[in-house]
PDB file of N, CA and C in Angstrom:
ATOM      1  N   MET A   1      11.142   9.538   5.794  1.00  0.00           N
ATOM      2  CA  MET A   1      11.005   8.115   5.590  1.00  0.00           C
ATOM      3  C   MET A   1      11.868   7.690   4.542  1.00  0.00           C
ATOM      4  N   SER A   2      12.626   6.290   4.798  1.00  0.00           N
ATOM      5  CA  SER A   2      13.291   5.945   3.640  1.00  0.00           C
ATOM      6  C   SER A   2      12.505   5.188   2.378  1.00  0.00           C
ATOM      7  N   LEU A   3      13.227   5.156   1.649  1.00  0.00           N
ATOM      8  CA  LEU A   3      12.642   4.606   0.137  1.00  0.00           C
ATOM      9  C   LEU A   3      12.263   3.092   0.560  1.00  0.00           C
ATOM     10  N   GLN A   4      13.044   2.150   1.437  1.00  0.00           N
ATOM     11  CA  GLN A   4      12.997   0.899   1.588  1.00  0.00           C
ATOM     12  C   GLN A   4      11.817   1.011   2.788  1.00  0.00           C
ATOM     13  N   THR A   5      11.613   1.713   3.934  1.00  0.00           N
ATOM     14  CA  THR A   5      10.203   1.718   4.667  1.00  0.00           C
ATOM     15  C   THR A   5       9.188   2.181   3.946  1.00  0.00           C
ATOM     16  N   ARG A   6       9.235   2.915   2.853  1.00  0.00           N
ATOM     17  CA  ARG A   6       8.140   3.241   2.012  1.00  0.00           C
ATOM     18  C   ARG A   6       7.310   2.134   1.345  1.00  0.00           C
ATOM     19  N   LEU A   7       8.644   1.378   0.624  1.00  0.00           N
ATOM     20  CA  LEU A   7       8.227   0.383  -0.038  1.00  0.00           C
ATOM     21  C   LEU A   7       7.654  -0.781   0.592  1.00  0.00           C
ATOM     22  N   ILE A   8       7.872  -1.150   2.008  1.00  0.00           N
ATOM     23  CA  ILE A   8       7.558  -1.835   2.828  1.00  0.00           C
ATOM     24  C   ILE A   8       5.908  -1.907   2.944  1.00  0.00           C
ATOM     25  N   GLU A   9       5.710  -0.204   3.443  1.00  0.00           N
ATOM     26  CA  GLU A   9       4.495  -0.188   3.475  1.00  0.00           C
ATOM     27  C   GLU A   9       3.520  -0.058   2.770  1.00  0.00           C
ATOM     28  N   LEU A  10       3.975   0.223   1.583  1.00  0.00           N
ATOM     29  CA  LEU A  10       2.953   0.281   0.062  1.00  0.00           C
ATOM     30  C   LEU A  10       2.819  -1.175   0.120  1.00  0.00           C
ATOM     31  N   GLU A  11       3.644  -2.121   0.216  1.00  0.00           N
ATOM     32  CA  GLU A  11       3.543  -3.672  -0.096  1.00  0.00           C
ATOM     33  C   GLU A  11       2.587  -4.159   0.780  1.00  0.00           C
ATOM     34  N   ARG A  12       2.434  -3.614   2.178  1.00  0.00           N
ATOM     35  CA  ARG A  12       1.861  -4.134   3.560  1.00  0.00           C
ATOM     36  C   ARG A  12       0.106  -3.636   2.981  1.00  0.00           C
ATOM     37  N   LYS A  13      -0.003  -2.485   2.360  1.00  0.00           N
ATOM     38  CA  LYS A  13      -1.026  -1.790   1.892  1.00  0.00           C
ATOM     39  C   LYS A  13      -1.827  -2.490   0.788  1.00  0.00           C
ATOM     40  N   HIS A  14      -0.823  -2.874   0.076  1.00  0.00           N
ATOM     41  CA  HIS A  14      -0.989  -3.909  -1.368  1.00  0.00           C
ATOM     42  C   HIS A  14      -1.797  -5.153  -0.858  1.00  0.00           C
ATOM     43  N   ARG A  15      -1.446  -6.018   0.087  1.00  0.00           N
ATOM     44  CA  ARG A  15      -1.642  -6.930   0.660  1.00  0.00           C
ATOM     45  C   ARG A  15      -3.055  -6.970   1.200  1.00  0.00           C
ATOM     46  N   GLN A  16      -3.346  -5.661   2.060  1.00  0.00           N
ATOM     47  CA  GLN A  16      -4.484  -5.519   2.811  1.00  0.00           C
ATOM     48  C   GLN A  16      -5.597  -5.546   1.416  1.00  0.00           C
ATOM     49  N   LEU A  17      -4.801  -4.604   0.512  1.00  0.00           N
ATOM     50  CA  LEU A  17      -6.398  -4.585  -0.523  1.00  0.00           C
ATOM     51  C   LEU A  17      -6.554  -5.905  -1.154  1.00  0.00           C
ATOM     52  N   GLU A  18      -5.478  -6.878  -1.259  1.00  0.00           N
ATOM     53  CA  GLU A  18      -5.703  -8.206  -1.920  1.00  0.00           C
ATOM     54  C   GLU A  18      -6.898  -8.648  -1.069  1.00  0.00           C
ATOM     55  N   ASN A  19      -6.653  -8.956   0.281  1.00  0.00           N
ATOM     56  CA  ASN A  19      -7.456  -9.333   1.144  1.00  0.00           C
ATOM     57  C   ASN A  19      -8.849  -8.937   1.232  1.00  0.00           C
ATOM     58  N   ALA A  20      -8.851  -7.702   1.100  1.00  0.00           N
ATOM     59  CA  ALA A  20     -10.258  -6.902   1.041  1.00  0.00           C
ATOM     60  C   ALA A  20     -11.069  -7.047  -0.141  1.00  0.00           C
ATOM     61  N   ILE A  21     -10.541  -7.637  -1.161  1.00  0.00           N
ATOM     62  CA  ILE A  21     -11.219  -7.872  -2.929  1.00  0.00           C
ATOM     63  C   ILE A  21     -11.484  -9.146  -2.619  1.00  0.00           C
ATOM     64  N   ALA A  22     -10.804 -10.125  -1.869  1.00  0.00           N
ATOM     65  CA  ALA A  22     -11.428 -11.842  -1.648  1.00  0.00           C
ATOM     66  C   ALA A  22     -12.097 -11.842  -1.071  1.00  0.00           C
ATOM     67  N   GLN A  23     -12.499 -10.941   0.038  1.00  0.00           N
ATOM     68  CA  GLN A  23     -13.652 -11.087   1.042  1.00  0.00           C
ATOM     69  C   GLN A  23     -14.804 -10.298   0.386  1.00  0.00           C
ATOM     70  N   ALA A  24     -14.626  -9.035  -0.442  1.00  0.00           N
ATOM     71  CA  ALA A  24     -15.542  -8.452  -1.215  1.00  0.00           C
ATOM     72  C   ALA A  24     -16.104  -9.307  -2.076  1.00  0.00           C
ATOM     73  N   VAL A  25     -15.433 -10.122  -2.713  1.00  0.00           N
ATOM     74  CA  VAL A  25     -15.989 -11.181  -3.764  1.00  0.00           C
ATOM     75  C   VAL A  25     -16.506 -12.401  -3.421  1.00  0.00           C
ATOM     76  N   ALA A  26     -16.072 -12.933  -2.104  1.00  0.00           N
ATOM     77  CA  ALA A  26     -16.891 -13.954  -1.327  1.00  0.00           C
ATOM     78  C   ALA A  26     -18.169 -13.747  -0.641  1.00  0.00           C
ATOM     79  N   SER A  27     -18.225 -12.119  -0.702  1.00  0.00           N
ATOM     80  CA  SER A  27     -19.531 -11.955   0.063  1.00  0.00           C
ATOM     81  C   SER A  27     -20.667 -11.597  -0.872  1.00  0.00           C
ATOM     82  N   PRO A  28     -21.551 -12.329  -0.634  1.00  0.00           N
ATOM     83  CA  PRO A  28     -23.027 -11.976  -1.862  1.00  0.00           C
ATOM     84  C   PRO A  28     -23.216 -10.605  -1.576  1.00  0.00           C
ATOM     85  N   SER A  29     -22.950  -9.947  -0.340  1.00  0.00           N
ATOM     86  CA  SER A  29     -24.083  -8.475  -0.433  1.00  0.00           C
ATOM     87  C   SER A  29     -22.690  -7.370  -0.772  1.00  0.00           C
ATOM     88  N   SER A  30     -21.507  -7.783  -1.361  1.00  0.00           N
ATOM     89  CA  SER A  30     -20.839  -6.617  -1.928  1.00  0.00           C
ATOM     90  C   SER A  30     -21.127  -6.184  -3.312  1.00  0.00           C
ATOM     91  N   SER A  31     -21.145  -5.189  -3.727  1.00  0.00           N
ATOM     92  CA  SER A  31     -21.631  -4.879  -4.923  1.00  0.00           C
ATOM     93  C   SER A  31     -20.627  -5.126  -6.120  1.00  0.00           C
ATOM     94  N   ASP A  32     -20.581  -4.862  -7.481  1.00  0.00           N
ATOM     95  CA  ASP A  32     -19.532  -4.761  -8.187  1.00  0.00           C
ATOM     96  C   ASP A  32     -18.511  -3.753  -8.157  1.00  0.00           C
ATOM     97  N   LEU A  33     -19.414  -2.415  -7.848  1.00  0.00           N
ATOM     98  CA  LEU A  33     -18.776  -1.191  -8.015  1.00  0.00           C
ATOM     99  C   LEU A  33     -17.912  -1.401  -6.861  1.00  0.00           C
ATOM    100  N   THR A  34     -17.980  -1.968  -5.400  1.00  0.00           N
ATOM    101  CA  THR A  34     -17.247  -1.837  -4.524  1.00  0.00           C
ATOM    102  C   THR A  34     -15.789  -2.706  -4.723  1.00  0.00           C
ATOM    103  N   VAL A  35     -16.214  -3.709  -5.459  1.00  0.00           N
ATOM    104  CA  VAL A  35     -14.945  -4.434  -5.903  1.00  0.00           C
ATOM    105  C   VAL A  35     -13.974  -3.675  -7.051  1.00  0.00           C
ATOM    106  N   ALA A  36     -14.515  -3.213  -7.876  1.00  0.00           N
ATOM    107  CA  ALA A  36     -14.050  -2.279  -8.842  1.00  0.00           C
ATOM    108  C   ALA A  36     -13.214  -1.259  -8.283  1.00  0.00           C
ATOM    109  N   GLU A  37     -13.552  -0.725  -7.295  1.00  0.00           N
ATOM    110  CA  GLU A  37     -13.033   0.605  -6.454  1.00  0.00           C
ATOM    111  C   GLU A  37     -11.913  -0.297  -5.661  1.00  0.00           C
ATOM    112  N   LEU A  38     -11.983  -1.319  -4.946  1.00  0.00           N
ATOM    113  CA  LEU A  38     -10.888  -1.982  -4.235  1.00  0.00           C
ATOM    114  C   LEU A  38      -9.690  -2.061  -5.265  1.00  0.00           C
ATOM    115  N   LYS A  39     -10.163  -2.893  -6.520  1.00  0.00           N
ATOM    116  CA  LYS A  39      -9.118  -3.412  -7.691  1.00  0.00           C
ATOM    117  C   LYS A  39      -8.445  -1.991  -8.269  1.00  0.00           C
ATOM    118  N   ARG A  40      -9.249  -0.661  -8.407  1.00  0.00           N
ATOM    119  CA  ARG A  40      -8.548   0.398  -8.716  1.00  0.00           C
ATOM    120  C   ARG A  40      -7.339   0.933  -7.832  1.00  0.00           C
ATOM    121  N   LYS A  41      -7.715   0.697  -6.750  1.00  0.00           N
ATOM    122  CA  LYS A  41      -6.837   0.876  -5.503  1.00  0.00           C
ATOM    123  C   LYS A  41      -5.422   0.372  -5.467  1.00  0.00           C
ATOM    124  N   LYS A  42      -6.024  -1.108  -5.612  1.00  0.00           N
ATOM    125  CA  LYS A  42      -4.772  -2.055  -5.805  1.00  0.00           C
ATOM    126  C   LYS A  42      -3.798  -1.869  -7.134  1.00  0.00           C
ATOM    127  N   LEU A  43      -4.560  -1.554  -7.951  1.00  0.00           N
ATOM    128  CA  LEU A  43      -3.630  -1.198  -9.127  1.00  0.00           C
ATOM    129  C   LEU A  43      -2.946   0.135  -8.874  1.00  0.00           C
ATOM    130  N   LEU A  44      -3.290   1.274  -8.236  1.00  0.00           N
ATOM    131  CA  LEU A  44      -2.740   2.333  -8.114  1.00  0.00           C
ATOM    132  C   LEU A  44      -1.528   2.186  -7.204  1.00  0.00           C
ATOM    133  N   LEU A  45      -1.833   1.262  -6.231  1.00  0.00           N
ATOM    134  CA  LEU A  45      -0.788   0.871  -5.023  1.00  0.00           C
ATOM    135  C   LEU A  45       0.460   0.449  -5.965  1.00  0.00           C
ATOM    136  N   LYS A  46       0.096  -0.522  -6.793  1.00  0.00           N
ATOM    137  CA  LYS A  46       1.027  -1.390  -7.630  1.00  0.00           C
ATOM    138  C   LYS A  46       1.868  -0.697  -8.350  1.00  0.00           C
ATOM    139  N   ASP A  47       1.355   0.533  -9.218  1.00  0.00           N
ATOM    140  CA  ASP A  47       2.070   1.453  -9.734  1.00  0.00           C
ATOM    141  C   ASP A  47       3.164   2.630  -8.912  1.00  0.00           C
ATOM    142  N   GLU A  48       2.408   2.938  -7.361  1.00  0.00           N
ATOM    143  CA  GLU A  48       3.692   3.582  -6.770  1.00  0.00           C
ATOM    144  C   GLU A  48       4.831   2.497  -6.182  1.00  0.00           C
ATOM    145  N   ILE A  49       4.247   1.126  -6.145  1.00  0.00           N
ATOM    146  CA  ILE A  49       5.508   0.213  -5.898  1.00  0.00           C
ATOM    147  C   ILE A  49       6.581   0.372  -6.920  1.00  0.00           C
ATOM    148  N   GLU A  50       6.020   0.192  -7.685  1.00  0.00           N
ATOM    149  CA  GLU A  50       6.931   0.097  -9.018  1.00  0.00           C
ATOM    150  C   GLU A  50       8.019   1.472  -9.151  1.00  0.00           C
ATOM    151  N   ARG A  51       7.270   2.709  -9.380  1.00  0.00           N
ATOM    152  CA  ARG A  51       8.086   3.953  -9.028  1.00  0.00           C
ATOM    153  C   ARG A  51       8.785   3.742  -8.167  1.00  0.00           C
ATOM    154  N   VAL A  52       8.359   3.468  -6.652  1.00  0.00           N
ATOM    155  CA  VAL A  52       9.655   3.712  -5.644  1.00  0.00           C
ATOM    156  C   VAL A  52      10.704   2.406  -5.927  1.00  0.00           C
ATOM    157  N   ARG A  53      10.400   1.234  -6.530  1.00  0.00           N
ATOM    158  CA  ARG A  53      11.452   0.517  -6.675  1.00  0.00           C
ATOM    159  C   ARG A  53      12.233   1.015  -8.040  1.00  0.00           C
ATOM    160  N   LEU A  54      11.986   1.841  -8.935  1.00  0.00           N
ATOM    161  CA  LEU A  54      12.491   2.187  -9.639  1.00  0.00           C
ATOM    162  C   LEU A  54      13.585   3.124  -9.226  1.00  0.00           C
ATOM    163  N   THR A  55      13.317   4.218  -8.158  1.00  0.00           N
ATOM    164  CA  THR A  55      14.434   5.121  -7.586  1.00  0.00           C
ATOM    165  C   THR A  55      15.063   4.828  -6.762  1.00  0.00           C
ATOM    166  N   MET A  56      14.869   3.632  -6.273  1.00  0.00           N
ATOM    167  CA  MET A  56      15.863   3.000  -5.089  1.00  0.00           C
ATOM    168  C   MET A  56      17.118   2.748  -5.979  1.00  0.00           C
ATOM    169  N   PRO A  57      18.405   2.809  -5.353  1.00  0.00           N
ATOM    170  CA  PRO A  57      19.712   2.462  -6.119  1.00  0.00           C
ATOM    171  C   PRO A  57      19.904   1.199  -5.671  1.00  0.00           C
ATOM    172  N   GLU A  58      20.572   0.383  -6.813  1.00  0.00           N
ATOM    173  CA  GLU A  58      20.732  -0.648  -6.867  1.00  0.00           C
ATOM    174  C   GLU A  58      21.764  -1.249  -5.645  1.00  0.00           C
ATOM    175  N   PRO A  59      21.860  -2.392  -4.982  1.00  0.00           N
ATOM    176  CA  PRO A  59      22.934  -2.771  -4.445  1.00  0.00           C
ATOM    177  C   PRO A  59      24.132  -2.735  -4.879  1.00  0.00           C
ATOM    178  N   THR A  60      25.271  -2.747  -4.068  1.00  0.00           N
ATOM    179  CA  THR A  60      26.577  -2.698  -4.660  1.00  0.00           C
ATOM    180  C   THR A  60      26.979  -3.911  -4.443  1.00  0.00           C
ATOM    181  N   LEU A  61      28.066  -4.520  -5.200  1.00  0.00           N
ATOM    182  CA  LEU A  61      28.651  -6.055  -4.848  1.00  0.00           C
ATOM    183  C   LEU A  61      30.319  -6.045  -4.207  1.00  0.00           C
ATOM    184  N   HIS A  62      30.392  -4.872  -3.651  1.00  0.00           N
ATOM    185  CA  HIS A  62      31.661  -4.660  -3.201  1.00  0.00           C
ATOM    186  C   HIS A  62      31.936  -5.104  -1.846  1.00  0.00           C
TER     187      HIS A  62
END
């Protein structure tokens, strides 16, 4: 899997977690623990996205 493909996949998962968090917060039946776990996973994905971006080569202007 290329770095670009990996980055796209991580960003997709990050957006899915954002949606899941929004739904959990809006739902009166979801617990604070569930929301905290989703936020923790989102933060881990954000860190992974940053690591992938840092390893990607810079585009050249030639």
